[in-house]
C-alpha atoms as a PDB file:
ATOM      1  CA  UNK A   1      65.640  47.266 -43.252  1.00  0.00           C
ATOM      2  CA  UNK A   2      65.204  44.893 -40.325  1.00  0.00           C
ATOM      3  CA  UNK A   3      67.956  42.859 -38.658  1.00  0.00           C
ATOM      4  CA  UNK A   4      68.225  39.280 -37.485  1.00  0.00           C
ATOM      5  CA  UNK A   5      71.205  37.383 -35.997  1.00  0.00           C
ATOM      6  CA  UNK A   6      71.729  33.678 -36.698  1.00  0.00           C
ATOM      7  CA  UNK A   7      74.322  30.919 -36.855  1.00  0.00           C
ATOM      8  CA  UNK A   8      75.119  29.185 -40.172  1.00  0.00           C
ATOM      9  CA  UNK A   9      74.076  25.517 -39.915  1.00  0.00           C
ATOM     10  CA  UNK A  10      76.035  22.522 -41.207  1.00  0.00           C
ATOM     11  CA  UNK A  11      74.343  22.455 -44.609  1.00  0.00           C
ATOM     12  CA  UNK A  12      75.621  25.987 -45.334  1.00  0.00           C
ATOM     13  CA  UNK A  13      72.312  27.781 -44.791  1.00  0.00           C
ATOM     14  CA  UNK A  14      71.069  30.332 -42.302  1.00  0.00           C
ATOM     15  CA  UNK A  15      67.489  30.576 -41.062  1.00  0.00           C
ATOM     16  CA  UNK A  16      65.682  33.906 -41.294  1.00  0.00           C
ATOM     17  CA  UNK A  17      63.554  33.391 -38.186  1.00  0.00           C
ATOM     18  CA  UNK A  18      60.564  35.620 -38.989  1.00  0.00           C
ATOM     19  CA  UNK A  19      59.921  33.702 -42.253  1.00  0.00           C
ATOM     20  CA  UNK A  20      61.388  30.334 -41.152  1.00  0.00           C
ATOM     21  CA  UNK A  21      63.133  30.246 -44.541  1.00  0.00           C
ATOM     22  CA  UNK A  22      66.742  29.134 -45.163  1.00  0.00           C
ATOM     23  CA  UNK A  23      69.267  31.028 -47.304  1.00  0.00           C
ATOM     24  CA  UNK A  24      72.682  29.780 -48.416  1.00  0.00           C
ATOM     25  CA  UNK A  25      75.986  31.400 -47.575  1.00  0.00           C
ATOM     26  CA  UNK A  26      79.490  30.442 -48.735  1.00  0.00           C
ATOM     27  CA  UNK A  27      80.452  27.152 -47.063  1.00  0.00           C
ATOM     28  CA  UNK A  28      83.452  28.650 -45.246  1.00  0.00           C
ATOM     29  CA  UNK A  29      81.012  30.446 -42.889  1.00  0.00           C
ATOM     30  CA  UNK A  30      79.480  27.213 -41.538  1.00  0.00           C
ATOM     31  CA  UNK A  31      79.234  27.442 -37.743  1.00  0.00           C
ATOM     32  CA  UNK A  32      79.789  31.223 -37.674  1.00  0.00           C
ATOM     33  CA  UNK A  33      77.330  33.857 -36.440  1.00  0.00           C
ATOM     34  CA  UNK A  34      76.084  36.232 -39.139  1.00  0.00           C
ATOM     35  CA  UNK A  35      73.759  39.211 -39.386  1.00  0.00           C
ATOM     36  CA  UNK A  36      70.820  39.197 -41.769  1.00  0.00           C
ATOM     37  CA  UNK A  37      69.422  42.501 -43.014  1.00  0.00           C
ATOM     38  CA  UNK A  38      66.131  42.114 -44.813  1.00  0.00           C
ATOM     39  CA  UNK A  39      63.516  44.184 -46.527  1.00  0.00           C
ATOM     40  CA  UNK A  40      60.254  43.263 -48.210  1.00  0.00           C
ATOM     41  CA  UNK A  41      62.130  41.992 -51.286  1.00  0.00           C
ATOM     42  CA  UNK A  42      65.737  41.134 -50.367  1.00  0.00           C
ATOM     43  CA  UNK A  43      67.858  39.373 -47.743  1.00  0.00           C
ATOM     44  CA  UNK A  44      71.478  40.427 -47.256  1.00  0.00           C
ATOM     45  CA  UNK A  45      73.798  38.349 -45.082  1.00  0.00           C
ATOM     46  CA  UNK A  46      76.854  39.913 -43.405  1.00  0.00           C
ATOM     47  CA  UNK A  47      79.879  38.608 -41.541  1.00  0.00           C
ATOM     48  CA  UNK A  48      82.122  41.215 -39.854  1.00  0.00           C
ATOM     49  CA  UNK A  49      80.478  44.046 -41.822  1.00  0.00           C
ATOM     50  CA  UNK A  50      81.191  42.305 -45.154  1.00  0.00           C
ATOM     51  CA  UNK A  51      78.244  41.229 -47.293  1.00  0.00           C
ATOM     52  CA  UNK A  52      78.688  37.503 -47.992  1.00  0.00           C
ATOM     53  CA  UNK A  53      75.336  36.750 -49.652  1.00  0.00           C
ATOM     54  CA  UNK A  54      72.384  38.468 -51.290  1.00  0.00           C
ATOM     55  CA  UNK A  55      69.103  36.697 -52.005  1.00  0.00           C
ATOM     56  CA  UNK A  56      65.630  37.584 -53.163  1.00  0.00           C
ATOM     57  CA  UNK A  57      63.366  37.252 -50.116  1.00  0.00           C
ATOM     58  CA  UNK A  58      61.185  34.158 -50.031  1.00  0.00           C
ATOM     59  CA  UNK A  59      58.553  33.776 -47.311  1.00  0.00           C
ATOM     60  CA  UNK A  60      57.947  30.076 -47.978  1.00  0.00           C
ATOM     61  CA  UNK A  61      58.305  28.508 -44.490  1.00  0.00           C
ATOM     62  CA  UNK A  62      60.969  25.777 -44.201  1.00  0.00           C
ATOM     63  CA  UNK A  63      61.971  26.353 -47.819  1.00  0.00           C
ATOM     64  CA  UNK A  64      65.536  26.690 -49.057  1.00  0.00           C
ATOM     65  CA  UNK A  65      67.055  29.340 -51.313  1.00  0.00           C
ATOM     66  CA  UNK A  66      70.456  28.094 -52.452  1.00  0.00           C
ATOM     67  CA  UNK A  67      73.154  29.615 -54.631  1.00  0.00           C
ATOM     68  CA  UNK A  68      75.239  26.725 -56.038  1.00  0.00           C
ATOM     69  CA  UNK A  69      78.353  28.893 -55.846  1.00  0.00           C
ATOM     70  CA  UNK A  70      78.054  28.839 -52.057  1.00  0.00           C
ATOM     71  CA  UNK A  71      78.436  25.067 -51.835  1.00  0.00           C
ATOM     72  CA  UNK A  72      81.811  23.413 -51.277  1.00  0.00           C
ATOM     73  CA  UNK A  73      82.916  21.688 -54.478  1.00  0.00           C
ATOM     74  CA  UNK A  74      83.036  18.375 -52.606  1.00  0.00           C
ATOM     75  CA  UNK A  75      79.365  18.813 -51.703  1.00  0.00           C
ATOM     76  CA  UNK A  76      78.075  20.004 -55.073  1.00  0.00           C
ATOM     77  CA  UNK A  77      77.407  16.435 -56.194  1.00  0.00           C
ATOM     78  CA  UNK A  78      74.635  16.330 -53.583  1.00  0.00           C
ATOM     79  CA  UNK A  79      72.707  18.882 -55.602  1.00  0.00           C
ATOM     80  CA  UNK A  80      72.549  16.279 -58.367  1.00  0.00           C
ATOM     81  CA  UNK A  81      70.710  13.866 -56.062  1.00  0.00           C
ATOM     82  CA  UNK A  82      67.049  13.441 -56.877  1.00  0.00           C
ATOM     83  CA  UNK A  83      64.202  11.417 -55.392  1.00  0.00           C
ATOM     84  CA  UNK A  84      64.173   9.328 -58.600  1.00  0.00           C
ATOM     85  CA  UNK A  85      67.860   8.472 -58.161  1.00  0.00           C
ATOM     86  CA  UNK A  86      67.158   7.042 -54.687  1.00  0.00           C
ATOM     87  CA  UNK A  87      63.985   5.261 -55.842  1.00  0.00           C
ATOM     88  CA  UNK A  88      65.785   3.637 -58.791  1.00  0.00           C
ATOM     89  CA  UNK A  89      68.634   2.516 -56.542  1.00  0.00           C
ATOM     90  CA  UNK A  90      66.149   1.063 -54.030  1.00  0.00           C
ATOM     91  CA  UNK A  91      64.162  -0.682 -56.799  1.00  0.00           C
ATOM     92  CA  UNK A  92      67.375  -2.377 -57.980  1.00  0.00           C
ATOM     93  CA  UNK A  93      67.504  -4.045 -54.546  1.00  0.00           C
ATOM     94  CA  UNK A  94      63.801  -4.945 -54.113  1.00  0.00           C
ATOM     95  CA  UNK A  95      60.347  -3.396 -54.568  1.00  0.00           C
ATOM     96  CA  UNK A  96      59.785  -3.272 -50.779  1.00  0.00           C
ATOM     97  CA  UNK A  97      63.007  -1.300 -50.335  1.00  0.00           C
ATOM     98  CA  UNK A  98      61.713   1.140 -52.978  1.00  0.00           C
ATOM     99  CA  UNK A  99      58.409   1.467 -51.087  1.00  0.00           C
ATOM    100  CA  UNK A 100      60.273   2.188 -47.865  1.00  0.00           C
ATOM    101  CA  UNK A 101      62.471   4.873 -49.483  1.00  0.00           C
ATOM    102  CA  UNK A 102      59.345   6.399 -51.057  1.00  0.00           C
ATOM    103  CA  UNK A 103      57.768   6.667 -47.592  1.00  0.00           C
ATOM    104  CA  UNK A 104      60.875   8.405 -46.224  1.00  0.00           C
ATOM    105  CA  UNK A 105      60.855  10.905 -49.103  1.00  0.00           C
ATOM    106  CA  UNK A 106      57.128  11.631 -48.810  1.00  0.00           C
ATOM    107  CA  UNK A 107      57.311  12.386 -45.093  1.00  0.00           C
ATOM    108  CA  UNK A 108      59.650  15.346 -45.494  1.00  0.00           C
ATOM    109  CA  UNK A 109      58.433  18.748 -46.634  1.00  0.00           C
ATOM    110  CA  UNK A 110      61.464  18.919 -48.944  1.00  0.00           C
ATOM    111  CA  UNK A 111      62.873  15.681 -50.389  1.00  0.00           C
ATOM    112  CA  UNK A 112      66.402  17.074 -49.944  1.00  0.00           C
ATOM    113  CA  UNK A 113      65.898  16.812 -46.188  1.00  0.00           C
ATOM    114  CA  UNK A 114      65.438  13.035 -46.559  1.00  0.00           C
ATOM    115  CA  UNK A 115      68.476  12.339 -48.766  1.00  0.00           C
ATOM    116  CA  UNK A 116      70.861  11.598 -45.889  1.00  0.00           C
ATOM    117  CA  UNK A 117      68.391   9.118 -44.403  1.00  0.00           C
ATOM    118  CA  UNK A 118      67.854   7.466 -47.814  1.00  0.00           C
ATOM    119  CA  UNK A 119      71.598   7.216 -48.358  1.00  0.00           C
ATOM    120  CA  UNK A 120      72.021   5.594 -44.943  1.00  0.00           C
ATOM    121  CA  UNK A 121      69.251   3.049 -45.494  1.00  0.00           C
ATOM    122  CA  UNK A 122      70.501   2.101 -48.950  1.00  0.00           C
ATOM    123  CA  UNK A 123      74.058   1.859 -47.573  1.00  0.00           C
ATOM    124  CA  UNK A 124      72.920  -1.116 -45.483  1.00  0.00           C
ATOM    125  CA  UNK A 125      72.737  -3.152 -48.706  1.00  0.00           C
ATOM    126  CA  UNK A 126      76.539  -3.097 -48.769  1.00  0.00           C
ATOM    127  CA  UNK A 127      76.932  -3.754 -45.019  1.00  0.00           C
ATOM    128  CA  UNK A 128      74.201  -6.322 -44.418  1.00  0.00           C
ATOM    129  CA  UNK A 129      73.318  -7.519 -47.915  1.00  0.00           C
ATOM    130  CA  UNK A 130      70.299  -6.994 -50.147  1.00  0.00           C
ATOM    131  CA  UNK A 131      68.282  -9.830 -48.615  1.00  0.00           C
ATOM    132  CA  UNK A 132      68.606  -8.622 -45.012  1.00  0.00           C
ATOM    133  CA  UNK A 133      67.865  -5.021 -46.042  1.00  0.00           C
ATOM    134  CA  UNK A 134      64.754  -6.179 -47.903  1.00  0.00           C
ATOM    135  CA  UNK A 135      63.442  -8.101 -44.873  1.00  0.00           C
ATOM    136  CA  UNK A 136      64.258  -5.139 -42.592  1.00  0.00           C
ATOM    137  CA  UNK A 137      62.315  -2.794 -44.886  1.00  0.00           C
ATOM    138  CA  UNK A 138      59.377  -5.224 -44.991  1.00  0.00           C
ATOM    139  CA  UNK A 139      59.345  -5.361 -41.194  1.00  0.00           C
ATOM    140  CA  UNK A 140      59.621  -1.557 -40.867  1.00  0.00           C
ATOM    141  CA  UNK A 141      56.816  -1.080 -43.430  1.00  0.00           C
ATOM    142  CA  UNK A 142      54.590  -3.275 -41.250  1.00  0.00           C
ATOM    143  CA  UNK A 143      55.447  -1.062 -38.245  1.00  0.00           C
ATOM    144  CA  UNK A 144      54.615   2.099 -40.184  1.00  0.00           C
ATOM    145  CA  UNK A 145      57.863   3.790 -39.058  1.00  0.00           C
ATOM    146  CA  UNK A 146      59.987   5.323 -41.803  1.00  0.00           C
ATOM    147  CA  UNK A 147      63.514   6.400 -40.884  1.00  0.00           C
ATOM    148  CA  UNK A 148      67.148   5.329 -40.889  1.00  0.00           C
ATOM    149  CA  UNK A 149      67.209   4.495 -37.171  1.00  0.00           C
ATOM    150  CA  UNK A 150      64.417   1.912 -37.513  1.00  0.00           C
ATOM    151  CA  UNK A 151      66.293  -0.039 -40.204  1.00  0.00           C
ATOM    152  CA  UNK A 152      69.528   0.245 -38.205  1.00  0.00           C
ATOM    153  CA  UNK A 153      67.809  -1.149 -35.075  1.00  0.00           C
ATOM    154  CA  UNK A 154      66.213  -4.038 -36.987  1.00  0.00           C
ATOM    155  CA  UNK A 155      69.539  -5.035 -38.536  1.00  0.00           C
ATOM    156  CA  UNK A 156      71.664  -4.548 -35.392  1.00  0.00           C
ATOM    157  CA  UNK A 157      69.260  -6.626 -33.297  1.00  0.00           C
ATOM    158  CA  UNK A 158      68.923  -9.211 -36.075  1.00  0.00           C
ATOM    159  CA  UNK A 159      65.163  -8.708 -36.014  1.00  0.00           C
ATOM    160  CA  UNK A 160      65.171  -9.478 -39.743  1.00  0.00           C
ATOM    161  CA  UNK A 161      65.909 -13.115 -38.765  1.00  0.00           C
ATOM    162  CA  UNK A 162      62.899 -13.485 -36.446  1.00  0.00           C
ATOM    163  CA  UNK A 163      60.235 -15.863 -37.583  1.00  0.00           C
ATOM    164  CA  UNK A 164      57.143 -13.985 -38.680  1.00  0.00           C
ATOM    165  CA  UNK A 165      55.012 -16.475 -36.756  1.00  0.00           C
ATOM    166  CA  UNK A 166      56.328 -14.988 -33.497  1.00  0.00           C
ATOM    167  CA  UNK A 167      54.545 -11.768 -34.339  1.00  0.00           C
ATOM    168  CA  UNK A 168      51.536 -13.139 -36.168  1.00  0.00           C
ATOM    169  CA  UNK A 169      50.201 -15.497 -33.475  1.00  0.00           C
ATOM    170  CA  UNK A 170      49.507 -14.182 -30.020  1.00  0.00           C
ATOM    171  CA  UNK A 171      50.406 -16.458 -27.191  1.00  0.00           C
ATOM    172  CA  UNK A 172      47.446 -17.442 -25.021  1.00  0.00           C
ATOM    173  CA  UNK A 173      47.156 -15.837 -21.579  1.00  0.00           C
ATOM    174  CA  UNK A 174      48.498 -18.112 -18.875  1.00  0.00           C
ATOM    175  CA  UNK A 175      46.018 -19.461 -16.340  1.00  0.00           C
ATOM    176  CA  UNK A 176      46.947 -17.776 -13.080  1.00  0.00           C
ATOM    177  CA  UNK A 177      45.020 -16.715  -9.973  1.00  0.00           C
ATOM    178  CA  UNK A 178      46.178 -13.072 -10.137  1.00  0.00           C
ATOM    179  CA  UNK A 179      45.094 -12.592 -13.745  1.00  0.00           C
ATOM    180  CA  UNK A 180      41.490 -11.469 -14.018  1.00  0.00           C
ATOM    181  CA  UNK A 181      41.071 -12.136 -17.729  1.00  0.00           C
ATOM    182  CA  UNK A 182      38.927 -10.374 -20.318  1.00  0.00           C
ATOM    183  CA  UNK A 183      35.596 -11.548 -18.824  1.00  0.00           C
ATOM    184  CA  UNK A 184      36.253  -9.606 -15.604  1.00  0.00           C
ATOM    185  CA  UNK A 185      35.867  -6.254 -17.417  1.00  0.00           C
ATOM    186  CA  UNK A 186      32.515  -6.990 -19.107  1.00  0.00           C
END
């Protein structure tokens, strides 16, 4: 058996460094340091010499092995979240919101890692309204940037109210003696 020390992260999992795989532990150990003993086939997790979890070893990098019993009852509902749930919710607002949520989900190796971001984006429908969220998603889609922070920035700065013509038409270069212009470089 080999050993590895780690801290339990906020989602109730601990990372086995050599495999880069995450294993669940009971939620009450969040934030605590634990010892992982692992063999070719199993991973045992200990806190103060007491075994708190036993999992079959999985070498899938950045994957998650989760025992539902380890999750706090208040957080178990999250395990019922699915990509389809978020996509259906987004589609009920507007097709462009659904496209944006789809992009967020597709950019994560595991859709579960994107759920918090999806929840945040869709929560703006309540705060800012469906119409503003739709325009913000359309703008963010045109930027090709897919995350919660982008939508938050667009809405906070009221960029969803900007006229599209401001972005579509470039202003001509001013005529000035210190500006060489495009012909200078040919």
